[in-house]
Structure formats: structure tokens, C-alpha cells
Amino acid sequence: MYPHTIIHYLGIMQKAPFSFSWFIPIFWTTLSLSASHGIFQWNQTRATLTHFQNWIEIFRNDYHRLPYQLAEVRALARSHDKHITPYDNFGMRLQYLPLTEKDYLVKSFGRDEQENRPQTKVDPTISTVAKRAEAFIQPEGLRQSIPQFYQAAFLEGTLSPASGLIASVEVQPQFHLRQLLVRSPRNTEFYMVAFHDMVEEFLWLPSGTELIYTAFGSRRYEDGIFYWNLKDNSIHNILPELRQQFWADLPEDWLFYGTLSHVSHDPGLIYLILAPAESEELNPQTFYSFANLFAIPIHESLGSKVEAQRIPTDLAYTAFDYDLTQDRLLKTAEMASPVQQEWLALSLEGDAEELISSWQDFSSNHASSPMCVYGLWWLSSVYNDAFRHLSTQGSAQAQVIRGFGIEMTDALIGMPSAPRYLRAMGRFLKKHLLLSKAADYNVTSLPTSR
């Protein structure tokens, strides 16, 4: 604005101050009414959420399970001549998610009608997850380009030190759901849920506001390896690009087996193990080879451009040739939950009877944990090693152990919430045990004649 224009404007103000005197009170009155209306909507939405929570608990007490969707809760309320609206006071439909057999959340999307994000005001939410004792482990970036078994303890709760957020996989076996939940230990109303109902595994990326996760076997959503940016809640499936780059000749409906290996912080790389499904059985020795290990550079355009590469090596090594201890890939477990602590204490060395007993106890005591199916696969593999060991000694107990191993593989294969590749490895092991032949891999320190 030029000086003479400013002087002219000030002159008008001095000559006609009355022309603005009416505007300021009306402006502040309008602003105050708008703010009051927003607060009213916010408080009323909280009241609606609390009302829904009360009816969810009534439903749980009557039917001894959580409702699958809000329609069941509303039907129960109508049977008592009560009406519950499925909308918040901003006009948006409420979101209800059964997370586990016990936990759930009910949330509003607030005035902006969008999912929470780390930098935005948190929407009204009620969740039983907030009552959990805060527990998590912290991952360690691994710079080695070697295939790793996914660290199952991450699933129960993993902290990103960069953002302070905690991610976990919530399993609802009744409804065959595996959902990726991100929450804040500092704000009990901050929750974000990935847009998929069969999430298998996840890893934090160095930024603390990005994740990579795998999801296979959903009846509603496509299979994939997904990049999730929490800042704008954008999700990108990178599997189609990997298929085009490495398996362009395969039909579009060809299934894949995939698992996450680890993340390197310097340089920033995502390591994953991926292979086309040649059959319903999967040989772990082949799957966890360098031939199936891929590295994806982490960069700002990861949501739109993927530059994957195979790890170049002539070595015939697999993950079984490296350290298999359960505490690898961890920076700290000081805040670990009891179930995480039990997992990390499990060993693959020692007497066969002690090994079987410890893995059996874990799998039996934590059937509702997302780690249970991983425990079943390791337990089945321990039985496989014990069967091989006892067979070489000519022990009559070998066939008993073989029978128990078959039972464990049956349990793993029969769990719909188990990751696809774990069930396929279970089928591979079961086939060998049925033929009275130990599978060709070893996970324990028990002697082998291979």
C-alpha cells in the first residue's frame, strides 16, 4: 500500500468513525456464537459416544461378545424402545471398530470430517484401549542386508522414538480381523487405524510418521505391501509396482507370500521377503533366501514411486544360517508388556523337552495375542527338530513327537487370522511330518544329521 493511500484511508477513518462502530460488536458476537456452537457440538458428540459405549457394554453382557457393527447395538436399543443415532453432532457417521475380543473404539471424525493426524486437533473418541497399562518395545535399525525373521514382539506394541507414537496389530478372531492401530501415550483420544482388515506385519520408518505394513487374505481389500504416511493419512500399495518390476509375466490375480524383514536407518532402506505363491505349501528354507530379499530406498516420494532392488549375492545362505535369537532387532525392551517379555525370554537352545515346554506354554497362555500364531510356527519347528534328533537315535518317542508336531501345524493352518505365509509354511511342515520325514531346516541347537 502506497503512503498517500494510507493517509487517505486514515482520513476516512477519522471523518467517519461511526461507520465502523457497529461492525466490531456484531463481529465478536458472531465469532463467540460460532465458537460456542462448536463447543456445544463437541460436548454433545462426547455424550453421544458415551451413550453408545453404555449400550455396547449392555450388548456384551447379554451376548458375551462385542457387536460386529453399530447396527447390532441399535437393534438392541430398539428392542428396549430406545433410539440411538449413528451420527455425531457434526453430521458425520460414527466409526465403531471391534479391535480384539475385549477392546474396541468408537470415534467421531470431528468438524473436519477426516481421520486424526499427528499435527491436527484430536477428534472425540472413546476406547477401552486407553485402559491398558502402557507397554511397548523400541526397534533397532539393522544395517545388514540379510534376511531376517519378523520380530513378532513388535505386534503387541512398538514405539517410534521420533514421534512418540505406538503402533500395534489388534486381532479380533471372531470376526477374522487384524487391524493396525496407532495411538499416542500422551493423548488417550488419539487413534489412527489403517484402511485394511487383514494387516499381518508392520515396521516404523525412521521419520516416526510413516509405516510399512503387509496385508494379505482380506475378503474386502486387495493384497499388498502398503506405505502409510500419517501426516496426511495417505496409503499407497507398492505391491503392484513390485510385480510389474520383477514378475511382469505373471497373471494379475497371482497370489504372493510376503513378510517384512527389517528397516535400516542409515542408509534408509526397507527390507522385505517376497515370492510368488507356487503352491499352498511354502518351504521356509527357500522362502528366507537372498533370492527373495528386496531392499526399497526410503525417500520423500515413496508414496508414488518405488525403486526396489534385489540384494546381489552369490551366497546360498538363508535366514537359518544367521542368529535366530528372539531379542534381535530390539533397541530396548524396558517398557515391554508381560507377553512381550515372555516372548523375548524364549530360547532355541537347550534340551528338547525344555524347549518344547517353554514354547508350548507361550502358545497356550497367549492364544488371543497376535504373537500366538508365530509361537505355533516356532513350536511346530521345534517339534520337527526334536523328531529328527530322536529318529537318528532310534528312539521310540520320535513318533510321539511327530504326532504332536502334526497337531501344532493343524492348529496353525486352521487359524484364519494367521499370516498367509505362516499357514503355507505350516502346510509344508505338516506334509513332511505326515510322511515321517523331517523338513529340511533347523531352528534349534539340537544335533542334526543333515
Protein backbone atom coordinates (compact mmCIF):
# COMPACT_ATOMS: atom_id res chain seq x y z
CA MET A 1 0.00 0.00 0.00
CA TYR A 2 1.47 3.40 -1.03
CA PRO A 3 1.92 6.20 1.60
CA HIS A 4 -0.67 8.55 0.07
CA THR A 5 -3.17 5.67 0.05
CA ILE A 6 -2.59 5.05 3.74
CA ILE A 7 -3.08 8.75 4.56
CA HIS A 8 -6.28 8.81 2.54
CA TYR A 9 -7.54 5.69 4.35
CA LEU A 10 -6.74 7.17 7.78
CA GLY A 11 -8.54 10.34 6.80
CA ILE A 12 -11.69 8.39 6.07
CA MET A 13 -11.41 6.67 9.43
CA GLN A 14 -11.14 10.00 11.23
CA LYS A 15 -14.03 11.60 9.36
CA ALA A 16 -16.42 8.66 9.69
CA PRO A 17 -15.56 6.60 12.78
CA PHE A 18 -19.23 5.82 13.30
CA SER A 19 -19.29 3.71 10.13
CA PHE A 20 -17.18 1.01 11.87
CA SER A 21 -18.57 1.25 15.38
CA TRP A 22 -21.49 -1.07 14.66
CA PHE A 23 -19.33 -3.69 12.95
CA ILE A 24 -17.00 -4.69 15.81
CA PRO A 25 -19.68 -5.77 18.34
CA ILE A 26 -21.53 -7.77 15.69
CA PHE A 27 -18.27 -9.37 14.53
CA TRP A 28 -17.32 -10.52 18.04
CA THR A 29 -20.88 -11.64 18.78
CA THR A 30 -20.91 -13.78 15.64
CA LEU A 31 -17.48 -15.20 16.43
CA SER A 32 -18.49 -16.02 20.01
CA LEU A 33 -21.70 -17.70 18.88
CA SER A 34 -19.74 -19.77 16.35
CA ALA A 35 -17.22 -20.86 18.99
CA SER A 36 -20.00 -21.68 21.46
CA HIS A 37 -21.81 -23.72 18.83
CA GLY A 38 -18.59 -25.65 18.12
CA ILE A 39 -18.09 -26.38 21.82
CA PHE A 40 -21.72 -27.48 22.06
CA GLN A 41 -21.28 -29.86 19.10
CA TRP A 42 -18.10 -31.22 20.67
CA ASN A 43 -19.70 -31.85 24.06
CA GLN A 44 -22.84 -33.34 22.56
CA THR A 45 -20.73 -35.68 20.42
CA ARG A 46 -18.93 -36.87 23.54
CA ALA A 47 -22.29 -37.51 25.17
CA THR A 48 -23.38 -39.50 22.10
CA LEU A 49 -20.20 -41.59 22.24
CA THR A 50 -20.70 -42.30 25.94
CA HIS A 51 -24.30 -43.31 25.27
CA PHE A 52 -23.14 -45.73 22.58
CA GLN A 53 -20.48 -47.14 24.88
CA ASN A 54 -23.09 -47.89 27.54
CA TRP A 55 -25.17 -49.84 25.01
CA ILE A 56 -22.11 -51.70 23.73
CA GLU A 57 -21.44 -52.88 27.28
CA ILE A 58 -25.09 -53.95 27.62
CA PHE A 59 -24.71 -55.88 24.36
CA ARG A 60 -21.52 -57.51 25.63
CA ASN A 61 -23.19 -58.59 28.86
CA ASP A 62 -26.22 -60.02 27.03
CA TYR A 63 -24.40 -61.84 24.21
CA HIS A 64 -20.95 -62.42 25.73
CA ARG A 65 -19.20 -60.86 22.76
CA LEU A 66 -18.67 -57.49 21.16
CA PRO A 67 -21.04 -56.36 18.41
CA TYR A 68 -19.73 -56.67 14.86
CA GLN A 69 -21.16 -53.30 13.87
CA LEU A 70 -23.22 -50.46 15.32
CA ALA A 71 -26.40 -51.81 13.67
CA GLU A 72 -26.43 -54.63 16.23
CA VAL A 73 -26.23 -52.14 19.08
CA ARG A 74 -29.01 -50.01 17.63
CA ALA A 75 -31.20 -53.09 17.18
CA LEU A 76 -30.68 -54.00 20.84
CA ALA A 77 -31.60 -50.47 21.90
CA ARG A 78 -34.77 -50.56 19.77
CA SER A 79 -35.79 -53.79 21.50
CA HIS A 80 -35.81 -51.69 24.69
CA ASP A 81 -37.77 -48.87 22.98
CA LYS A 82 -34.65 -46.69 22.85
CA HIS A 83 -33.26 -44.84 19.84
CA ILE A 84 -29.54 -44.28 19.23
CA THR A 85 -28.38 -42.11 16.39
CA PRO A 86 -25.38 -43.40 14.42
CA TYR A 87 -24.29 -39.81 13.69
CA ASP A 88 -22.23 -37.35 15.67
CA ASN A 89 -23.30 -33.74 16.20
CA PHE A 90 -21.23 -32.63 13.22
CA GLY A 91 -23.49 -34.69 10.93
CA MET A 92 -20.94 -37.46 10.29
CA ARG A 93 -21.50 -41.17 10.85
CA LEU A 94 -19.70 -42.54 13.90
CA GLN A 95 -16.98 -45.14 13.42
CA TYR A 96 -17.04 -48.30 15.53
CA LEU A 97 -14.17 -50.79 15.39
CA PRO A 98 -14.02 -54.05 17.36
CA LEU A 99 -10.25 -54.41 17.84
CA THR A 100 -9.90 -57.56 19.93
CA GLU A 101 -12.28 -59.86 21.80
CA LYS A 102 -12.27 -57.29 24.63
CA ASP A 103 -11.26 -53.93 23.20
CA TYR A 104 -12.99 -51.56 20.81
CA LEU A 105 -13.17 -47.89 19.91
CA VAL A 106 -15.98 -45.56 18.90
CA LYS A 107 -14.97 -42.28 17.36
CA SER A 108 -16.21 -39.17 15.62
CA PHE A 109 -14.37 -37.64 12.67
CA GLY A 110 -15.00 -34.17 14.09
CA ARG A 111 -15.59 -30.89 12.33
CA ASP A 112 -13.03 -31.55 9.57
CA GLU A 113 -14.67 -34.91 8.74
CA GLN A 114 -11.26 -36.56 8.47
CA GLU A 115 -9.14 -39.13 10.28
CA ASN A 116 -6.86 -37.91 13.07
CA ARG A 117 -3.35 -36.90 12.08
CA PRO A 118 -0.36 -36.16 14.30
CA GLN A 119 -0.50 -32.39 13.74
CA THR A 120 -4.27 -31.86 13.95
CA LYS A 121 -6.75 -31.44 16.76
CA VAL A 122 -7.82 -34.84 18.08
CA ASP A 123 -11.39 -35.97 17.39
CA PRO A 124 -13.71 -37.16 20.18
CA THR A 125 -13.04 -40.87 20.80
CA ILE A 126 -13.93 -43.49 23.38
CA SER A 127 -11.82 -46.64 23.54
CA THR A 128 -11.17 -49.42 26.02
CA VAL A 129 -7.57 -49.49 24.73
CA ALA A 130 -6.94 -46.41 26.87
CA LYS A 131 -7.33 -48.60 29.99
CA ARG A 132 -4.36 -50.77 29.07
CA ALA A 133 -1.14 -50.47 31.01
CA GLU A 134 1.23 -48.60 28.71
CA ALA A 135 3.75 -51.05 27.28
CA PHE A 136 5.94 -51.17 24.20
CA ILE A 137 9.30 -52.12 22.81
CA GLN A 138 11.61 -49.97 20.73
CA PRO A 139 13.07 -51.29 17.47
CA GLU A 140 16.67 -51.07 16.35
CA GLY A 141 17.64 -50.26 12.78
CA LEU A 142 19.78 -53.01 11.25
CA ARG A 143 22.30 -52.08 8.55
CA GLN A 144 22.94 -55.66 7.43
CA SER A 145 21.45 -56.82 4.13
CA ILE A 146 20.48 -60.28 5.33
CA PRO A 147 17.03 -61.91 5.53
CA GLN A 148 15.50 -61.73 9.00
CA PHE A 149 12.51 -63.42 10.61
CA TYR A 150 9.91 -60.81 11.51
CA GLN A 151 10.14 -59.82 15.17
CA ALA A 152 6.70 -60.91 16.42
CA ALA A 153 7.02 -58.88 19.63
CA PHE A 154 6.56 -55.73 17.53
CA LEU A 155 2.90 -56.65 17.02
CA GLU A 156 1.97 -56.11 20.68
CA GLY A 157 3.19 -52.51 20.67
CA THR A 158 6.18 -50.75 19.13
CA LEU A 159 7.26 -47.21 19.96
CA SER A 160 8.59 -44.83 17.36
CA PRO A 161 11.17 -42.71 19.22
CA ALA A 162 10.95 -40.00 16.55
CA SER A 163 7.24 -39.29 17.12
CA GLY A 164 6.44 -40.98 20.43
CA LEU A 165 3.56 -42.86 18.80
CA ILE A 166 2.85 -46.57 19.40
CA ALA A 167 1.71 -49.00 16.70
CA SER A 168 0.21 -52.44 17.28
CA VAL A 169 -1.76 -55.10 15.43
CA GLU A 170 -5.13 -55.78 17.05
CA VAL A 171 -6.61 -59.24 16.39
CA GLN A 172 -10.34 -59.99 16.55
CA PRO A 173 -10.54 -63.77 15.88
CA GLN A 174 -14.37 -63.93 16.00
CA PHE A 175 -14.67 -61.57 13.03
CA HIS A 176 -11.35 -62.58 11.37
CA LEU A 177 -9.90 -59.08 11.73
CA ARG A 178 -6.27 -57.95 12.04
CA GLN A 179 -6.10 -54.15 12.25
CA LEU A 180 -3.14 -51.81 12.53
CA LEU A 181 -3.70 -49.27 15.30
CA VAL A 182 -1.57 -46.19 16.01
CA ARG A 183 -2.07 -44.41 19.32
CA SER A 184 -0.42 -41.79 21.48
CA PRO A 185 0.62 -42.49 25.09
CA ARG A 186 0.27 -38.74 25.77
CA ASN A 187 -3.27 -38.36 24.41
CA THR A 188 -5.77 -41.13 25.15
CA GLU A 189 -8.10 -39.91 22.39
CA PHE A 190 -5.56 -40.04 19.55
CA TYR A 191 -6.07 -43.10 17.37
CA MET A 192 -5.44 -43.84 13.71
CA VAL A 193 -6.42 -47.12 12.05
CA ALA A 194 -5.01 -48.38 8.74
CA PHE A 195 -7.51 -48.94 5.95
CA HIS A 196 -7.34 -52.75 5.87
CA ASP A 197 -8.84 -55.57 7.91
CA MET A 198 -6.12 -58.24 7.48
CA VAL A 199 -2.88 -56.50 8.40
CA GLU A 200 -0.16 -59.05 9.04
CA GLU A 201 3.01 -57.15 9.97
CA PHE A 202 4.33 -53.58 10.20
CA LEU A 203 7.53 -51.62 10.73
CA TRP A 204 8.10 -47.99 11.66
CA LEU A 205 10.14 -45.91 9.23
CA PRO A 206 12.79 -43.51 10.66
CA SER A 207 10.58 -40.39 10.45
CA GLY A 208 8.18 -41.73 13.07
CA THR A 209 5.18 -40.63 10.99
CA GLU A 210 5.47 -43.31 8.29
CA LEU A 211 4.95 -47.07 8.39
CA ILE A 212 5.19 -50.02 6.04
CA TYR A 213 2.77 -52.90 6.53
CA THR A 214 1.74 -56.12 4.82
CA ALA A 215 -1.84 -57.30 4.40
CA PHE A 216 -3.00 -60.48 2.66
CA GLY A 217 -6.17 -62.56 2.52
CA SER A 218 -8.92 -60.00 3.06
CA ARG A 219 -12.33 -60.59 1.51
CA ARG A 220 -12.86 -56.84 1.08
CA TYR A 221 -9.47 -55.29 0.33
CA GLU A 222 -6.66 -56.06 -2.07
CA ASP A 223 -3.47 -57.84 -1.02
CA GLY A 224 -0.47 -55.63 -0.70
CA ILE A 225 2.56 -54.11 0.90
CA PHE A 226 1.39 -50.69 1.98
CA TYR A 227 3.19 -47.43 2.69
CA TRP A 228 1.25 -45.31 5.21
CA ASN A 229 2.04 -41.63 5.75
CA LEU A 230 0.36 -40.49 8.95
CA LYS A 231 0.84 -36.79 8.22
CA ASP A 232 -1.82 -36.78 5.53
CA ASN A 233 -3.24 -40.27 6.19
CA SER A 234 -2.29 -41.39 2.68
CA ILE A 235 -1.83 -45.10 1.94
CA HIS A 236 -0.11 -46.48 -1.15
CA ASN A 237 0.09 -50.13 -2.18
CA ILE A 238 3.57 -50.79 -3.58
CA LEU A 239 2.96 -54.47 -4.45
CA PRO A 240 1.63 -53.75 -7.96
CA GLU A 241 4.83 -51.84 -8.77
CA LEU A 242 6.97 -54.67 -7.43
CA ARG A 243 5.00 -57.17 -9.51
CA GLN A 244 5.47 -55.05 -12.61
CA GLN A 245 9.19 -54.66 -11.96
CA PHE A 246 10.06 -58.27 -11.15
CA TRP A 247 7.13 -60.50 -12.23
CA ALA A 248 5.52 -58.71 -15.17
CA ASP A 249 4.68 -62.01 -16.90
CA LEU A 250 2.55 -63.35 -14.03
CA PRO A 251 -1.26 -63.05 -14.24
CA GLU A 252 -2.72 -60.15 -12.26
CA ASP A 253 -4.58 -62.49 -9.88
CA TRP A 254 -1.44 -64.45 -8.92
CA LEU A 255 -1.03 -64.67 -5.15
CA PHE A 256 2.14 -63.78 -3.26
CA TYR A 257 3.76 -64.70 0.04
CA GLY A 258 5.31 -61.74 1.82
CA THR A 259 6.86 -60.82 5.16
CA LEU A 260 8.77 -57.81 6.47
CA SER A 261 12.38 -58.33 7.41
CA HIS A 262 13.73 -55.10 8.94
CA VAL A 263 14.44 -51.39 8.39
CA SER A 264 17.82 -49.75 8.04
CA HIS A 265 18.09 -46.12 9.19
CA ASP A 266 21.44 -45.29 7.58
CA PRO A 267 21.03 -45.69 4.71
CA GLY A 268 17.24 -45.59 4.81
CA LEU A 269 16.08 -48.93 3.43
CA ILE A 270 13.08 -51.22 3.88
CA TYR A 271 13.92 -54.92 3.64
CA LEU A 272 11.18 -57.40 2.81
CA ILE A 273 10.89 -61.00 1.67
CA LEU A 274 8.52 -61.60 -1.23
CA ALA A 275 7.84 -64.55 -3.53
CA PRO A 276 5.05 -65.68 -5.89
CA ALA A 277 2.88 -68.43 -4.40
CA GLU A 278 3.80 -71.51 -6.44
CA SER A 279 1.55 -73.71 -4.29
CA GLU A 280 -0.31 -73.75 -0.97
CA GLU A 281 2.88 -75.00 0.69
CA LEU A 282 5.92 -72.84 1.35
CA ASN A 283 9.41 -74.15 2.09
CA PRO A 284 10.91 -71.83 4.75
CA GLN A 285 14.45 -72.71 3.63
CA THR A 286 13.67 -71.44 0.13
CA PHE A 287 11.46 -68.52 1.17
CA TYR A 288 14.02 -66.98 3.54
CA SER A 289 16.78 -66.98 0.94
CA PHE A 290 18.60 -64.00 -0.55
CA ALA A 291 16.77 -64.66 -3.83
CA ASN A 292 13.57 -63.35 -2.22
CA LEU A 293 15.11 -60.45 -0.26
CA PHE A 294 14.32 -56.97 -1.59
CA ALA A 295 15.51 -53.53 -0.49
CA ILE A 296 13.38 -50.41 -1.02
CA PRO A 297 15.05 -46.99 -0.52
CA ILE A 298 13.13 -44.65 1.80
CA HIS A 299 12.59 -41.24 0.18
CA GLU A 300 10.04 -38.44 0.12
CA SER A 301 8.27 -39.80 -2.97
CA LEU A 302 7.81 -43.32 -1.64
CA GLY A 303 4.06 -42.87 -1.79
CA SER A 304 4.21 -42.51 -5.57
CA LYS A 305 7.49 -44.02 -6.72
CA VAL A 306 9.11 -47.29 -5.66
CA GLU A 307 12.69 -48.15 -6.54
CA ALA A 308 13.18 -51.70 -5.30
CA GLN A 309 16.21 -53.86 -5.84
CA ARG A 310 17.21 -57.44 -5.16
CA ILE A 311 20.20 -57.96 -2.90
CA PRO A 312 23.04 -59.04 -5.23
CA THR A 313 24.81 -62.10 -3.84
CA ASP A 314 26.03 -65.48 -5.00
CA LEU A 315 25.79 -66.90 -1.50
CA ALA A 316 23.38 -69.77 -0.95
CA TYR A 317 22.73 -68.63 2.60
CA THR A 318 19.28 -68.23 4.15
CA ALA A 319 17.94 -66.71 7.38
CA PHE A 320 18.58 -70.08 9.06
CA ASP A 321 22.32 -69.53 8.68
CA TYR A 322 22.21 -66.47 10.95
CA ASP A 323 21.27 -65.62 14.53
CA LEU A 324 17.72 -66.73 15.40
CA THR A 325 17.52 -65.35 18.95
CA GLN A 326 14.23 -63.67 19.80
CA ASP A 327 15.69 -60.36 21.03
CA ARG A 328 17.26 -59.33 17.74
CA LEU A 329 16.18 -56.06 16.11
CA LEU A 330 15.44 -54.53 19.53
CA LYS A 331 16.94 -51.35 20.94
CA THR A 332 15.23 -51.55 24.30
CA ALA A 333 12.54 -53.63 25.98
CA GLU A 334 12.42 -51.76 29.29
CA MET A 335 8.72 -50.94 28.83
CA ALA A 336 7.76 -54.30 27.30
CA SER A 337 4.45 -55.88 28.27
CA PRO A 338 4.45 -59.21 30.15
CA VAL A 339 3.65 -61.14 26.97
CA GLN A 340 6.46 -59.36 25.10
CA GLN A 341 8.86 -60.16 27.94
CA GLU A 342 7.86 -63.83 27.83
CA TRP A 343 8.45 -63.94 24.07
CA LEU A 344 11.86 -62.33 24.32
CA ALA A 345 12.84 -64.83 27.02
CA LEU A 346 12.10 -67.82 24.78
CA SER A 347 15.15 -69.76 23.66
CA LEU A 348 16.05 -72.06 20.80
CA GLU A 349 18.95 -73.66 22.63
CA GLY A 350 18.99 -76.44 25.18
CA ASP A 351 17.21 -79.69 25.97
CA ALA A 352 14.38 -80.72 23.62
CA GLU A 353 11.90 -81.27 26.42
CA GLU A 354 12.57 -77.83 27.92
CA LEU A 355 12.32 -76.13 24.55
CA ILE A 356 9.01 -77.80 23.73
CA SER A 357 7.62 -77.00 27.17
CA SER A 358 8.52 -73.28 27.01
CA TRP A 359 7.14 -72.73 23.51
CA GLN A 360 4.05 -74.81 24.29
CA ASP A 361 3.33 -72.73 27.39
CA PHE A 362 3.65 -69.47 25.50
CA SER A 363 1.30 -70.55 22.71
CA SER A 364 -1.26 -71.93 25.16
CA ASN A 365 -1.23 -68.95 27.52
CA HIS A 366 -1.48 -66.23 24.87
CA ALA A 367 -3.99 -67.53 22.36
CA SER A 368 -5.53 -64.06 21.93
CA SER A 369 -2.22 -62.36 21.17
CA PRO A 370 -1.17 -61.63 17.56
CA MET A 371 2.10 -63.33 18.54
CA CYS A 372 0.40 -66.68 19.18
CA VAL A 373 0.47 -67.84 15.55
CA TYR A 374 4.19 -67.10 15.37
CA GLY A 375 4.66 -69.14 18.54
CA LEU A 376 2.79 -72.04 16.92
CA TRP A 377 5.10 -72.00 13.89
CA TRP A 378 8.25 -71.93 16.03
CA LEU A 379 6.80 -74.66 18.27
CA SER A 380 5.99 -76.82 15.24
CA SER A 381 9.54 -76.30 14.01
CA VAL A 382 10.95 -77.27 17.41
CA TYR A 383 8.90 -80.49 17.21
CA ASN A 384 10.35 -81.02 13.72
CA ASP A 385 13.90 -80.69 15.07
CA ALA A 386 13.13 -82.98 18.02
CA PHE A 387 11.60 -85.57 15.70
CA ARG A 388 14.71 -85.55 13.51
CA HIS A 389 17.01 -85.78 16.55
CA LEU A 390 15.12 -88.67 18.17
CA SER A 391 14.80 -90.51 14.84
CA THR A 392 18.59 -90.55 14.40
CA GLN A 393 18.87 -92.04 17.89
CA GLY A 394 16.29 -94.71 17.11
CA SER A 395 14.08 -93.53 19.99
CA ALA A 396 10.52 -94.82 20.23
CA GLN A 397 9.48 -91.30 21.31
CA ALA A 398 10.17 -89.98 17.82
CA GLN A 399 6.72 -90.94 16.51
CA VAL A 400 5.00 -89.40 19.54
CA ILE A 401 6.83 -86.13 18.93
CA ARG A 402 5.93 -86.33 15.24
CA GLY A 403 2.25 -86.65 16.15
CA PHE A 404 2.40 -83.58 18.40
CA GLY A 405 4.12 -81.67 15.61
CA ILE A 406 1.29 -82.52 13.22
CA GLU A 407 -1.25 -81.28 15.78
CA MET A 408 0.58 -77.95 16.07
CA THR A 409 0.69 -77.47 12.31
CA ASP A 410 -3.03 -78.25 12.15
CA ALA A 411 -3.68 -75.56 14.76
CA LEU A 412 -1.62 -73.03 12.79
CA ILE A 413 -3.20 -73.86 9.43
CA GLY A 414 -6.68 -73.65 10.94
CA MET A 415 -6.29 -70.08 12.24
CA PRO A 416 -7.77 -67.62 9.68
CA SER A 417 -6.03 -64.71 11.41
CA ALA A 418 -2.58 -66.23 10.86
CA PRO A 419 -0.48 -64.57 8.12
CA ARG A 420 -0.73 -66.32 4.76
CA TYR A 421 2.94 -67.24 4.60
CA LEU A 422 2.90 -68.77 8.10
CA ARG A 423 -0.03 -71.02 7.21
CA ALA A 424 1.74 -72.06 4.00
CA MET A 425 4.90 -72.92 5.94
CA GLY A 426 2.71 -74.90 8.33
CA ARG A 427 1.32 -76.93 5.41
CA PHE A 428 4.85 -77.61 4.18
CA LEU A 429 5.92 -78.89 7.58
CA LYS A 430 2.76 -80.96 8.06
CA LYS A 431 3.29 -82.69 4.71
CA HIS A 432 6.79 -83.77 5.74
CA LEU A 433 5.74 -84.97 9.18
CA LEU A 434 2.86 -86.98 7.70
CA LEU A 435 5.46 -88.72 5.54
CA SER A 436 7.58 -89.38 8.66
CA LYS A 437 10.27 -87.18 7.20
CA ALA A 438 11.62 -84.12 8.98
CA ALA A 439 11.59 -80.89 6.98
CA ASP A 440 14.94 -79.69 5.70
CA TYR A 441 15.53 -76.76 8.05
CA ASN A 442 16.70 -76.44 11.63
CA VAL A 443 15.79 -73.80 14.23
CA THR A 444 17.26 -75.20 17.45
CA SER A 445 20.65 -76.25 18.74
CA LEU A 446 19.60 -79.91 18.70
CA PRO A 447 22.06 -82.08 16.70
CA THR A 448 21.12 -82.73 13.09
CA SER A 449 22.37 -85.34 10.62
CA ARG A 450 21.71 -83.16 7.59
